[in-house]
Amino acid sequence: MQNEYDVIIIGGSYAGLSAALSLGRALKNVLIIDGGKPCNWQTPHSHNFLTQDGQTPKAISDVAKSQVLAYKNVTLIEDFAISGKKTADGFEIATLKGNAFYAQKLIFASGIKDQFPAIKGFGDCWGISVIHCPYCHGYEVRHQKTGLLGNGEQAFEFAKLLWNWTKDLTLFTNGNCILTDEQRENLSDKGINIVEKEIKEVVHENGQMEHLIFADGSTEALTALYAKIKFGQHSNIPQQLGCEFTEAGLIQTDHFQKTTVDGIYACGDNTSMMRSVANAVYSGNMAGAMVSKELIAAEIKREALES
C-alpha cells in the first residue's frame, strides 16, 4: 500500500466520508484512517437527515462507504492515528499499527468522546433513551414523560426548548439547583418540575429506560432523559500540531472548515455543537471542497513557476 497521498482524513464516519467524496471527485488521492467505532454506534435510528430519516446509523454509513470507495483514488484503512508532525512538504501521520503516512493536507473528522456522569446505566442508554437532541430524537418521545439532566443557565434554556415536544417534563439537577428564583418561576409556570435529588441509577431494558433510582432510594418512571454532557476530543493530534480550540473545547475553524494551522481542516462533531448527521455531511463536504481548491491552486502555481 502506498504511503503518500494528497490528503489524509482522520475519521471515516459521516464527516470524513463526505470530505472524501468531494476530494475523490476532484481527482485527489485520499487516505481515510478510521478506528471503526463512531460515537453513535449504539443509536438505533438516525433522524432529521433528508432521504435517510429513520435509518440505522450503520446502514447510512455502509451506503456512504460503498459510494465513496467506488472512487479508486480513495482508500480507507481501519487503524488509529496516534501522532502527527509537520514535514517539509506537509504532514506525517503515525498509526497504532505502526504505519506512517504522508500528505500535503490533513482533515480531522475524528469526532469527540462523550464523558458520562457517574450514574449506573447512563452509558448503556446513551443514544437510545438517554438522548442529546430533540431534533434528532424528540419526535419519537413526543408528549411522553421526559426528563432533563442538567443545571444552571444551559439547563434552563434547554428545558424551555424541550417544552415544545412534551409538557410532561421534569428537570433533574442531580444535586442543589442553581437556577435563579426567576428561572424557577418561569419553568413552574410551564408546568416543568425541578427535582434536586442525586441520581444513583438509570434502570433500563436493553437501553430503554424504565425509571430512575435516587440516592435516597426513591424512584421516578421516565420514557426518556435528555442530557448535555461533557466531552473531549477523540484525537489529540490537532493539539499536537498547534490547532487552536474554542472555549467549549471544539477545534476552531472558519466558515470553510479551515483550522488555525495552515494545511489543516476539521469537520463534524469535533468542530460544532450541532451534533447531527446532516451537519457532519455538510461540513465534510465543505472541508473536502476547500482542500481540493487549495491543492488545485498550489498545482497551478507550481506549473507557472516551472514554465
C-alpha atoms as a PDB file:
ATOM      1  CA  MET A   1       0.000   0.000   0.000  1.00  0.00           C
ATOM      2  CA  GLN A   2       1.267   3.459  -0.834  1.00  0.00           C
ATOM      3  CA  ASN A   3       2.119   5.848   1.990  1.00  0.00           C
ATOM      4  CA  GLU A   4       1.954   9.214   0.212  1.00  0.00           C
ATOM      5  CA  TYR A   5      -1.325  10.981  -0.516  1.00  0.00           C
ATOM      6  CA  ASP A   6      -2.669  14.387  -1.372  1.00  0.00           C
ATOM      7  CA  VAL A   7      -4.909  14.346   1.701  1.00  0.00           C
ATOM      8  CA  ILE A   8      -5.209  12.244   4.840  1.00  0.00           C
ATOM      9  CA  ILE A   9      -8.620  12.239   6.536  1.00  0.00           C
ATOM     10  CA  ILE A  10      -8.611  11.101  10.150  1.00  0.00           C
ATOM     11  CA  GLY A  11     -12.038   9.672  10.893  1.00  0.00           C
ATOM     12  CA  GLY A  12     -14.239   7.738   8.493  1.00  0.00           C
ATOM     13  CA  SER A  13     -17.753   8.424   9.683  1.00  0.00           C
ATOM     14  CA  TYR A  14     -20.204  10.837   8.023  1.00  0.00           C
ATOM     15  CA  ALA A  15     -17.991  13.952   8.003  1.00  0.00           C
ATOM     16  CA  GLY A  16     -14.879  12.094   6.903  1.00  0.00           C
ATOM     17  CA  LEU A  17     -16.669  10.168   4.176  1.00  0.00           C
ATOM     18  CA  SER A  18     -18.346  13.327   2.913  1.00  0.00           C
ATOM     19  CA  ALA A  19     -14.970  15.088   2.706  1.00  0.00           C
ATOM     20  CA  ALA A  20     -13.506  12.079   0.897  1.00  0.00           C
ATOM     21  CA  LEU A  21     -16.331  12.115  -1.632  1.00  0.00           C
ATOM     22  CA  SER A  22     -15.629  15.749  -2.552  1.00  0.00           C
ATOM     23  CA  LEU A  23     -11.924  15.050  -2.856  1.00  0.00           C
ATOM     24  CA  GLY A  24     -12.363  11.810  -4.764  1.00  0.00           C
ATOM     25  CA  ARG A  25     -14.495  13.555  -7.341  1.00  0.00           C
ATOM     26  CA  ALA A  26     -11.814  16.257  -7.548  1.00  0.00           C
ATOM     27  CA  LEU A  27      -9.320  13.556  -8.641  1.00  0.00           C
ATOM     28  CA  LYS A  28      -7.230  13.774  -5.458  1.00  0.00           C
ATOM     29  CA  ASN A  29      -5.528  10.793  -3.833  1.00  0.00           C
ATOM     30  CA  VAL A  30      -7.083  10.364  -0.409  1.00  0.00           C
ATOM     31  CA  LEU A  31      -6.448   8.132   2.600  1.00  0.00           C
ATOM     32  CA  ILE A  32      -9.113   7.746   5.296  1.00  0.00           C
ATOM     33  CA  ILE A  33      -7.895   6.382   8.636  1.00  0.00           C
ATOM     34  CA  ASP A  34     -10.781   5.162  10.778  1.00  0.00           C
ATOM     35  CA  GLY A  35     -10.893   3.345  14.113  1.00  0.00           C
ATOM     36  CA  GLY A  36     -14.240   1.729  13.328  1.00  0.00           C
ATOM     37  CA  LYS A  37     -16.356   2.893  16.285  1.00  0.00           C
ATOM     38  CA  PRO A  38     -18.323   6.134  15.759  1.00  0.00           C
ATOM     39  CA  CYS A  39     -19.880   7.903  18.748  1.00  0.00           C
ATOM     40  CA  ASN A  40     -23.409   6.927  17.656  1.00  0.00           C
ATOM     41  CA  TRP A  41     -22.630   3.221  17.269  1.00  0.00           C
ATOM     42  CA  GLN A  42     -25.417   2.096  19.629  1.00  0.00           C
ATOM     43  CA  THR A  43     -28.057   4.573  18.447  1.00  0.00           C
ATOM     44  CA  PRO A  44     -30.883   2.512  16.877  1.00  0.00           C
ATOM     45  CA  HIS A  45     -32.152   5.087  14.369  1.00  0.00           C
ATOM     46  CA  SER A  46     -30.945   8.313  12.780  1.00  0.00           C
ATOM     47  CA  HIS A  47     -33.450  11.093  12.163  1.00  0.00           C
ATOM     48  CA  ASN A  48     -33.740  14.542  10.610  1.00  0.00           C
ATOM     49  CA  PHE A  49     -31.466  13.688   7.677  1.00  0.00           C
ATOM     50  CA  LEU A  50     -33.264  14.036   4.357  1.00  0.00           C
ATOM     51  CA  THR A  51     -33.718  10.749   2.389  1.00  0.00           C
ATOM     52  CA  GLN A  52     -32.417   8.694   5.347  1.00  0.00           C
ATOM     53  CA  ASP A  53     -34.888   9.520   8.125  1.00  0.00           C
ATOM     54  CA  GLY A  54     -35.310   6.507  10.397  1.00  0.00           C
ATOM     55  CA  GLN A  55     -32.395   4.527   9.005  1.00  0.00           C
ATOM     56  CA  THR A  56     -29.829   2.974  11.308  1.00  0.00           C
ATOM     57  CA  PRO A  57     -26.533   4.869  11.550  1.00  0.00           C
ATOM     58  CA  LYS A  58     -24.697   1.783  10.292  1.00  0.00           C
ATOM     59  CA  ALA A  59     -26.919   1.480   7.231  1.00  0.00           C
ATOM     60  CA  ILE A  60     -26.245   5.103   6.291  1.00  0.00           C
ATOM     61  CA  SER A  61     -22.516   4.613   6.863  1.00  0.00           C
ATOM     62  CA  ASP A  62     -22.397   1.388   4.843  1.00  0.00           C
ATOM     63  CA  VAL A  63     -24.037   3.034   1.830  1.00  0.00           C
ATOM     64  CA  ALA A  64     -21.736   6.037   2.170  1.00  0.00           C
ATOM     65  CA  LYS A  65     -18.624   3.840   2.270  1.00  0.00           C
ATOM     66  CA  SER A  66     -19.687   1.847  -0.775  1.00  0.00           C
ATOM     67  CA  GLN A  67     -20.254   5.032  -2.755  1.00  0.00           C
ATOM     68  CA  VAL A  68     -17.070   6.792  -1.620  1.00  0.00           C
ATOM     69  CA  LEU A  69     -14.810   3.775  -2.122  1.00  0.00           C
ATOM     70  CA  ALA A  70     -16.110   3.331  -5.653  1.00  0.00           C
ATOM     71  CA  TYR A  71     -13.625   6.117  -6.439  1.00  0.00           C
ATOM     72  CA  LYS A  72     -10.331   4.271  -6.917  1.00  0.00           C
ATOM     73  CA  ASN A  73      -8.319   7.250  -5.706  1.00  0.00           C
ATOM     74  CA  VAL A  74      -9.886   6.965  -2.233  1.00  0.00           C
ATOM     75  CA  THR A  75      -8.543   4.390   0.253  1.00  0.00           C
ATOM     76  CA  LEU A  76      -9.908   3.533   3.696  1.00  0.00           C
ATOM     77  CA  ILE A  77      -7.945   1.621   6.322  1.00  0.00           C
ATOM     78  CA  GLU A  78      -9.032   0.514   9.796  1.00  0.00           C
ATOM     79  CA  ASP A  79      -6.359   1.868  12.108  1.00  0.00           C
ATOM     80  CA  PHE A  80      -5.963   4.594  14.711  1.00  0.00           C
ATOM     81  CA  ALA A  81      -3.894   7.732  14.125  1.00  0.00           C
ATOM     82  CA  ILE A  82      -1.769   8.309  17.239  1.00  0.00           C
ATOM     83  CA  SER A  83       0.578  11.164  16.329  1.00  0.00           C
ATOM     84  CA  GLY A  84       1.286  13.762  13.691  1.00  0.00           C
ATOM     85  CA  LYS A  85       4.060  16.145  12.774  1.00  0.00           C
ATOM     86  CA  LYS A  86       4.802  18.805  10.214  1.00  0.00           C
ATOM     87  CA  THR A  87       7.155  17.933   7.372  1.00  0.00           C
ATOM     88  CA  ALA A  88       8.795  19.996   4.640  1.00  0.00           C
ATOM     89  CA  ASP A  89       6.013  19.077   2.194  1.00  0.00           C
ATOM     90  CA  GLY A  90       3.041  18.665   4.510  1.00  0.00           C
ATOM     91  CA  PHE A  91       2.366  16.260   7.337  1.00  0.00           C
ATOM     92  CA  GLU A  92       3.276  12.805   8.645  1.00  0.00           C
ATOM     93  CA  ILE A  93       0.726  10.674  10.493  1.00  0.00           C
ATOM     94  CA  ALA A  94       1.764   7.646  12.554  1.00  0.00           C
ATOM     95  CA  THR A  95      -0.763   4.934  13.422  1.00  0.00           C
ATOM     96  CA  LEU A  96      -1.320   2.380  16.164  1.00  0.00           C
ATOM     97  CA  LYS A  97      -0.437  -0.467  13.777  1.00  0.00           C
ATOM     98  CA  GLY A  98       2.976   1.045  13.161  1.00  0.00           C
ATOM     99  CA  ASN A  99       2.331   2.657   9.791  1.00  0.00           C
ATOM    100  CA  ALA A 100       3.453   6.107   8.690  1.00  0.00           C
ATOM    101  CA  PHE A 101       1.599   8.105   6.044  1.00  0.00           C
ATOM    102  CA  TYR A 102       2.345  11.435   4.404  1.00  0.00           C
ATOM    103  CA  ALA A 103       0.114  14.073   2.826  1.00  0.00           C
ATOM    104  CA  GLN A 104       0.071  17.701   1.805  1.00  0.00           C
ATOM    105  CA  LYS A 105      -3.167  18.354   3.704  1.00  0.00           C
ATOM    106  CA  LEU A 106      -4.978  16.941   6.748  1.00  0.00           C
ATOM    107  CA  ILE A 107      -8.676  16.822   7.548  1.00  0.00           C
ATOM    108  CA  PHE A 108      -9.704  15.905  11.080  1.00  0.00           C
ATOM    109  CA  ALA A 109     -13.134  14.278  11.134  1.00  0.00           C
ATOM    110  CA  SER A 110     -12.205  12.445  14.306  1.00  0.00           C
ATOM    111  CA  GLY A 111     -15.262  13.296  16.386  1.00  0.00           C
ATOM    112  CA  ILE A 112     -15.478  13.606  20.152  1.00  0.00           C
ATOM    113  CA  LYS A 113     -15.552  11.306  23.177  1.00  0.00           C
ATOM    114  CA  ASP A 114     -18.567  11.610  25.459  1.00  0.00           C
ATOM    115  CA  GLN A 115     -17.799  11.722  29.177  1.00  0.00           C
ATOM    116  CA  PHE A 116     -20.640  10.065  31.058  1.00  0.00           C
ATOM    117  CA  PRO A 117     -21.612  11.064  34.596  1.00  0.00           C
ATOM    118  CA  ALA A 118     -21.101   8.517  37.354  1.00  0.00           C
ATOM    119  CA  ILE A 119     -24.651   7.179  37.116  1.00  0.00           C
ATOM    120  CA  LYS A 120     -25.107   3.442  36.679  1.00  0.00           C
ATOM    121  CA  GLY A 121     -26.856   2.545  33.403  1.00  0.00           C
ATOM    122  CA  PHE A 122     -26.397   6.005  31.868  1.00  0.00           C
ATOM    123  CA  GLY A 123     -23.899   4.910  29.221  1.00  0.00           C
ATOM    124  CA  ASP A 124     -25.951   1.822  28.326  1.00  0.00           C
ATOM    125  CA  CYS A 125     -28.887   4.077  27.447  1.00  0.00           C
ATOM    126  CA  TRP A 126     -26.897   6.790  25.650  1.00  0.00           C
ATOM    127  CA  GLY A 127     -28.279   7.410  22.180  1.00  0.00           C
ATOM    128  CA  ILE A 128     -31.249   5.113  22.845  1.00  0.00           C
ATOM    129  CA  SER A 129     -33.353   6.589  25.646  1.00  0.00           C
ATOM    130  CA  VAL A 130     -30.810   8.946  27.169  1.00  0.00           C
ATOM    131  CA  ILE A 131     -30.584  11.441  24.348  1.00  0.00           C
ATOM    132  CA  HIS A 132     -28.926  14.741  23.465  1.00  0.00           C
ATOM    133  CA  CYS A 133     -31.019  16.422  20.779  1.00  0.00           C
ATOM    134  CA  PRO A 134     -34.773  16.938  20.345  1.00  0.00           C
ATOM    135  CA  TYR A 135     -34.347  17.499  16.604  1.00  0.00           C
ATOM    136  CA  CYS A 136     -32.744  14.057  16.323  1.00  0.00           C
ATOM    137  CA  HIS A 137     -34.917  12.163  18.823  1.00  0.00           C
ATOM    138  CA  GLY A 138     -37.709  14.383  20.147  1.00  0.00           C
ATOM    139  CA  TYR A 139     -40.455  13.328  17.766  1.00  0.00           C
ATOM    140  CA  GLU A 140     -40.163   9.685  18.837  1.00  0.00           C
ATOM    141  CA  VAL A 141     -40.733  10.569  22.528  1.00  0.00           C
ATOM    142  CA  ARG A 142     -43.159  13.449  21.973  1.00  0.00           C
ATOM    143  CA  HIS A 143     -45.835  14.007  24.633  1.00  0.00           C
ATOM    144  CA  GLN A 144     -44.249  11.336  26.859  1.00  0.00           C
ATOM    145  CA  LYS A 145     -42.928  11.540  30.406  1.00  0.00           C
ATOM    146  CA  THR A 146     -39.499  13.032  29.884  1.00  0.00           C
ATOM    147  CA  GLY A 147     -36.601  14.234  31.991  1.00  0.00           C
ATOM    148  CA  LEU A 148     -33.724  16.637  31.507  1.00  0.00           C
ATOM    149  CA  LEU A 149     -30.462  16.147  33.380  1.00  0.00           C
ATOM    150  CA  GLY A 150     -28.789  19.498  33.867  1.00  0.00           C
ATOM    151  CA  ASN A 151     -28.417  22.633  35.935  1.00  0.00           C
ATOM    152  CA  GLY A 152     -27.884  26.350  35.563  1.00  0.00           C
ATOM    153  CA  GLU A 153     -28.428  28.623  32.582  1.00  0.00           C
ATOM    154  CA  GLN A 154     -27.892  25.962  29.916  1.00  0.00           C
ATOM    155  CA  ALA A 155     -30.445  23.640  31.512  1.00  0.00           C
ATOM    156  CA  PHE A 156     -32.946  26.489  31.867  1.00  0.00           C
ATOM    157  CA  GLU A 157     -32.767  27.349  28.160  1.00  0.00           C
ATOM    158  CA  PHE A 158     -32.813  23.690  27.120  1.00  0.00           C
ATOM    159  CA  ALA A 159     -35.872  22.976  29.257  1.00  0.00           C
ATOM    160  CA  LYS A 160     -37.799  25.777  27.570  1.00  0.00           C
ATOM    161  CA  LEU A 161     -36.900  24.294  24.180  1.00  0.00           C
ATOM    162  CA  LEU A 162     -37.928  20.757  25.155  1.00  0.00           C
ATOM    163  CA  TRP A 163     -41.338  22.035  26.333  1.00  0.00           C
ATOM    164  CA  ASN A 164     -42.226  22.137  22.607  1.00  0.00           C
ATOM    165  CA  TRP A 165     -42.067  18.323  22.426  1.00  0.00           C
ATOM    166  CA  THR A 166     -43.602  17.424  25.775  1.00  0.00           C
ATOM    167  CA  LYS A 167     -45.473  19.192  28.537  1.00  0.00           C
ATOM    168  CA  ASP A 168     -44.705  16.292  30.928  1.00  0.00           C
ATOM    169  CA  LEU A 169     -41.154  17.444  31.617  1.00  0.00           C
ATOM    170  CA  THR A 170     -39.015  17.352  34.765  1.00  0.00           C
ATOM    171  CA  LEU A 171     -35.617  18.965  35.292  1.00  0.00           C
ATOM    172  CA  PHE A 172     -33.267  16.758  37.329  1.00  0.00           C
ATOM    173  CA  THR A 173     -30.399  18.838  38.694  1.00  0.00           C
ATOM    174  CA  ASN A 174     -28.677  15.841  40.384  1.00  0.00           C
ATOM    175  CA  GLY A 175     -27.941  17.997  43.435  1.00  0.00           C
ATOM    176  CA  ASN A 176     -28.641  21.536  44.553  1.00  0.00           C
ATOM    177  CA  CYS A 177     -30.416  23.591  41.893  1.00  0.00           C
ATOM    178  CA  ILE A 178     -28.542  26.764  40.925  1.00  0.00           C
ATOM    179  CA  LEU A 179     -31.328  28.359  38.893  1.00  0.00           C
ATOM    180  CA  THR A 180     -32.420  31.816  39.909  1.00  0.00           C
ATOM    181  CA  ASP A 181     -35.803  32.367  41.543  1.00  0.00           C
ATOM    182  CA  GLU A 182     -36.999  33.974  38.326  1.00  0.00           C
ATOM    183  CA  GLN A 183     -35.902  30.967  36.270  1.00  0.00           C
ATOM    184  CA  ARG A 184     -37.585  28.567  38.679  1.00  0.00           C
ATOM    185  CA  GLU A 185     -40.807  30.530  38.453  1.00  0.00           C
ATOM    186  CA  ASN A 186     -40.595  30.603  34.651  1.00  0.00           C
ATOM    187  CA  LEU A 187     -40.298  26.811  34.497  1.00  0.00           C
ATOM    188  CA  SER A 188     -43.003  26.343  37.094  1.00  0.00           C
ATOM    189  CA  ASP A 189     -45.374  28.474  35.020  1.00  0.00           C
ATOM    190  CA  LYS A 190     -44.850  25.986  32.185  1.00  0.00           C
ATOM    191  CA  GLY A 191     -45.504  23.030  34.483  1.00  0.00           C
ATOM    192  CA  ILE A 192     -41.851  21.934  34.449  1.00  0.00           C
ATOM    193  CA  ASN A 193     -40.943  20.387  37.799  1.00  0.00           C
ATOM    194  CA  ILE A 194     -37.469  20.517  39.354  1.00  0.00           C
ATOM    195  CA  VAL A 195     -36.047  17.543  41.264  1.00  0.00           C
ATOM    196  CA  GLU A 196     -32.785  18.143  43.134  1.00  0.00           C
ATOM    197  CA  LYS A 197     -32.182  14.615  44.425  1.00  0.00           C
ATOM    198  CA  GLU A 198     -28.965  12.832  43.462  1.00  0.00           C
ATOM    199  CA  ILE A 199     -29.465  10.194  40.753  1.00  0.00           C
ATOM    200  CA  LYS A 200     -27.916   6.804  41.532  1.00  0.00           C
ATOM    201  CA  GLU A 201     -29.034   4.658  38.581  1.00  0.00           C
ATOM    202  CA  VAL A 202     -30.915   4.569  35.289  1.00  0.00           C
ATOM    203  CA  VAL A 203     -32.852   1.295  35.283  1.00  0.00           C
ATOM    204  CA  HIS A 204     -33.352   0.027  31.740  1.00  0.00           C
ATOM    205  CA  GLU A 205     -34.021  -2.944  29.495  1.00  0.00           C
ATOM    206  CA  ASN A 206     -31.578  -3.089  26.578  1.00  0.00           C
ATOM    207  CA  GLY A 207     -31.065   0.653  26.716  1.00  0.00           C
ATOM    208  CA  GLN A 208     -34.753   1.547  27.019  1.00  0.00           C
ATOM    209  CA  MET A 209     -35.045   3.301  30.351  1.00  0.00           C
ATOM    210  CA  GLU A 210     -37.778   2.386  32.795  1.00  0.00           C
ATOM    211  CA  HIS A 211     -37.093   4.578  35.810  1.00  0.00           C
ATOM    212  CA  LEU A 212     -34.502   6.495  37.788  1.00  0.00           C
ATOM    213  CA  ILE A 213     -33.316   5.446  41.235  1.00  0.00           C
ATOM    214  CA  PHE A 214     -32.224   8.256  43.529  1.00  0.00           C
ATOM    215  CA  ALA A 215     -29.640   8.134  46.300  1.00  0.00           C
ATOM    216  CA  ASP A 216     -32.421   8.202  48.917  1.00  0.00           C
ATOM    217  CA  GLY A 217     -33.952   5.041  47.407  1.00  0.00           C
ATOM    218  CA  SER A 218     -36.943   6.710  45.770  1.00  0.00           C
ATOM    219  CA  THR A 219     -37.700   6.202  42.081  1.00  0.00           C
ATOM    220  CA  GLU A 220     -39.321   8.009  39.182  1.00  0.00           C
ATOM    221  CA  ALA A 221     -40.577   6.440  35.945  1.00  0.00           C
ATOM    222  CA  LEU A 222     -39.426   8.034  32.690  1.00  0.00           C
ATOM    223  CA  THR A 223     -39.573   7.275  28.975  1.00  0.00           C
ATOM    224  CA  ALA A 224     -36.577   9.405  28.017  1.00  0.00           C
ATOM    225  CA  LEU A 225     -33.911  11.584  29.593  1.00  0.00           C
ATOM    226  CA  TYR A 226     -32.185  14.425  27.751  1.00  0.00           C
ATOM    227  CA  ALA A 227     -28.665  15.287  28.836  1.00  0.00           C
ATOM    228  CA  LYS A 228     -25.974  17.753  27.848  1.00  0.00           C
ATOM    229  CA  ILE A 229     -22.788  16.018  28.951  1.00  0.00           C
ATOM    230  CA  LYS A 230     -19.107  16.859  28.890  1.00  0.00           C
ATOM    231  CA  PHE A 231     -16.902  15.700  26.047  1.00  0.00           C
ATOM    232  CA  GLY A 232     -13.287  15.617  24.915  1.00  0.00           C
ATOM    233  CA  GLN A 233     -11.604  15.442  21.537  1.00  0.00           C
ATOM    234  CA  HIS A 234     -11.266  11.909  20.206  1.00  0.00           C
ATOM    235  CA  SER A 235      -7.870  12.730  18.721  1.00  0.00           C
ATOM    236  CA  ASN A 236      -5.117  14.743  20.380  1.00  0.00           C
ATOM    237  CA  ILE A 237      -3.217  15.231  17.109  1.00  0.00           C
ATOM    238  CA  PRO A 238      -4.824  18.629  16.331  1.00  0.00           C
ATOM    239  CA  GLN A 239      -3.447  19.848  19.658  1.00  0.00           C
ATOM    240  CA  GLN A 240      -0.041  18.310  18.871  1.00  0.00           C
ATOM    241  CA  LEU A 241       0.043  20.253  15.616  1.00  0.00           C
ATOM    242  CA  GLY A 242      -0.902  23.552  17.228  1.00  0.00           C
ATOM    243  CA  CYS A 243      -4.569  23.911  16.298  1.00  0.00           C
ATOM    244  CA  GLU A 244      -6.492  26.345  18.479  1.00  0.00           C
ATOM    245  CA  PHE A 245      -9.688  25.389  20.288  1.00  0.00           C
ATOM    246  CA  THR A 246     -12.841  27.208  21.320  1.00  0.00           C
ATOM    247  CA  GLU A 247     -13.821  27.754  24.958  1.00  0.00           C
ATOM    248  CA  ALA A 248     -16.173  24.786  24.592  1.00  0.00           C
ATOM    249  CA  GLY A 249     -13.269  22.508  23.605  1.00  0.00           C
ATOM    250  CA  LEU A 250     -14.060  22.294  19.888  1.00  0.00           C
ATOM    251  CA  ILE A 251     -11.476  22.674  17.137  1.00  0.00           C
ATOM    252  CA  GLN A 252     -11.613  26.278  15.977  1.00  0.00           C
ATOM    253  CA  THR A 253     -12.445  26.607  12.272  1.00  0.00           C
ATOM    254  CA  ASP A 254     -13.572  29.333   9.909  1.00  0.00           C
ATOM    255  CA  HIS A 255     -16.689  29.144   7.721  1.00  0.00           C
ATOM    256  CA  PHE A 256     -14.769  26.954   5.265  1.00  0.00           C
ATOM    257  CA  GLN A 257     -13.722  24.432   7.974  1.00  0.00           C
ATOM    258  CA  LYS A 258     -10.106  25.633   7.965  1.00  0.00           C
ATOM    259  CA  THR A 259      -8.301  25.452  11.318  1.00  0.00           C
ATOM    260  CA  THR A 260      -5.800  27.970  12.642  1.00  0.00           C
ATOM    261  CA  VAL A 261      -2.933  25.852  11.245  1.00  0.00           C
ATOM    262  CA  ASP A 262      -2.214  26.177   7.534  1.00  0.00           C
ATOM    263  CA  GLY A 263      -2.962  22.965   5.662  1.00  0.00           C
ATOM    264  CA  ILE A 264      -5.250  21.512   8.328  1.00  0.00           C
ATOM    265  CA  TYR A 265      -9.043  21.391   8.144  1.00  0.00           C
ATOM    266  CA  ALA A 266     -11.585  19.876  10.534  1.00  0.00           C
ATOM    267  CA  CYS A 267     -15.255  18.943  10.247  1.00  0.00           C
ATOM    268  CA  GLY A 268     -18.062  17.148  12.037  1.00  0.00           C
ATOM    269  CA  ASP A 269     -18.681  16.820  15.760  1.00  0.00           C
ATOM    270  CA  ASN A 270     -15.165  17.918  16.729  1.00  0.00           C
ATOM    271  CA  THR A 271     -15.935  21.423  15.411  1.00  0.00           C
ATOM    272  CA  SER A 272     -19.622  22.019  16.152  1.00  0.00           C
ATOM    273  CA  MET A 273     -22.163  21.818  18.967  1.00  0.00           C
ATOM    274  CA  MET A 274     -24.706  20.815  16.293  1.00  0.00           C
ATOM    275  CA  ARG A 275     -24.245  17.070  16.572  1.00  0.00           C
ATOM    276  CA  SER A 276     -26.208  15.654  13.659  1.00  0.00           C
ATOM    277  CA  VAL A 277     -25.583  13.503  10.604  1.00  0.00           C
ATOM    278  CA  ALA A 278     -26.774  16.305   8.341  1.00  0.00           C
ATOM    279  CA  ASN A 279     -24.334  18.807   9.814  1.00  0.00           C
ATOM    280  CA  ALA A 280     -21.461  16.319   9.656  1.00  0.00           C
ATOM    281  CA  VAL A 281     -22.138  15.632   5.979  1.00  0.00           C
ATOM    282  CA  TYR A 282     -22.384  19.354   5.204  1.00  0.00           C
ATOM    283  CA  SER A 283     -19.186  20.322   7.000  1.00  0.00           C
ATOM    284  CA  GLY A 284     -17.295  17.375   5.496  1.00  0.00           C
ATOM    285  CA  ASN A 285     -18.441  18.353   2.024  1.00  0.00           C
ATOM    286  CA  MET A 286     -17.233  21.906   2.627  1.00  0.00           C
ATOM    287  CA  ALA A 287     -13.869  20.775   4.005  1.00  0.00           C
ATOM    288  CA  GLY A 288     -13.251  18.457   1.069  1.00  0.00           C
ATOM    289  CA  ALA A 289     -14.118  21.117  -1.482  1.00  0.00           C
ATOM    290  CA  MET A 290     -11.919  23.756   0.159  1.00  0.00           C
ATOM    291  CA  VAL A 291      -8.946  21.412   0.494  1.00  0.00           C
ATOM    292  CA  SER A 292      -9.206  20.427  -3.165  1.00  0.00           C
ATOM    293  CA  LYS A 293      -9.361  24.119  -4.070  1.00  0.00           C
ATOM    294  CA  GLU A 294      -6.112  24.740  -2.178  1.00  0.00           C
ATOM    295  CA  LEU A 295      -4.429  21.770  -3.836  1.00  0.00           C
ATOM    296  CA  ILE A 296      -5.509  22.892  -7.305  1.00  0.00           C
ATOM    297  CA  ALA A 297      -4.257  26.439  -6.663  1.00  0.00           C
ATOM    298  CA  ALA A 298      -0.886  25.098  -5.456  1.00  0.00           C
ATOM    299  CA  GLU A 299      -0.562  22.892  -8.537  1.00  0.00           C
ATOM    300  CA  ILE A 300      -1.292  25.835 -10.861  1.00  0.00           C
ATOM    301  CA  LYS A 301       1.324  27.917  -9.018  1.00  0.00           C
ATOM    302  CA  ARG A 302       3.974  25.169  -9.342  1.00  0.00           C
ATOM    303  CA  GLU A 303       3.328  24.772 -13.050  1.00  0.00           C
ATOM    304  CA  ALA A 304       3.597  28.543 -13.547  1.00  0.00           C
ATOM    305  CA  LEU A 305       6.952  28.617 -11.769  1.00  0.00           C
ATOM    306  CA  GLU A 306       8.273  25.694 -13.797  1.00  0.00           C
ATOM    307  CA  SER A 307       7.239  27.136 -17.172  1.00  0.00           C
END
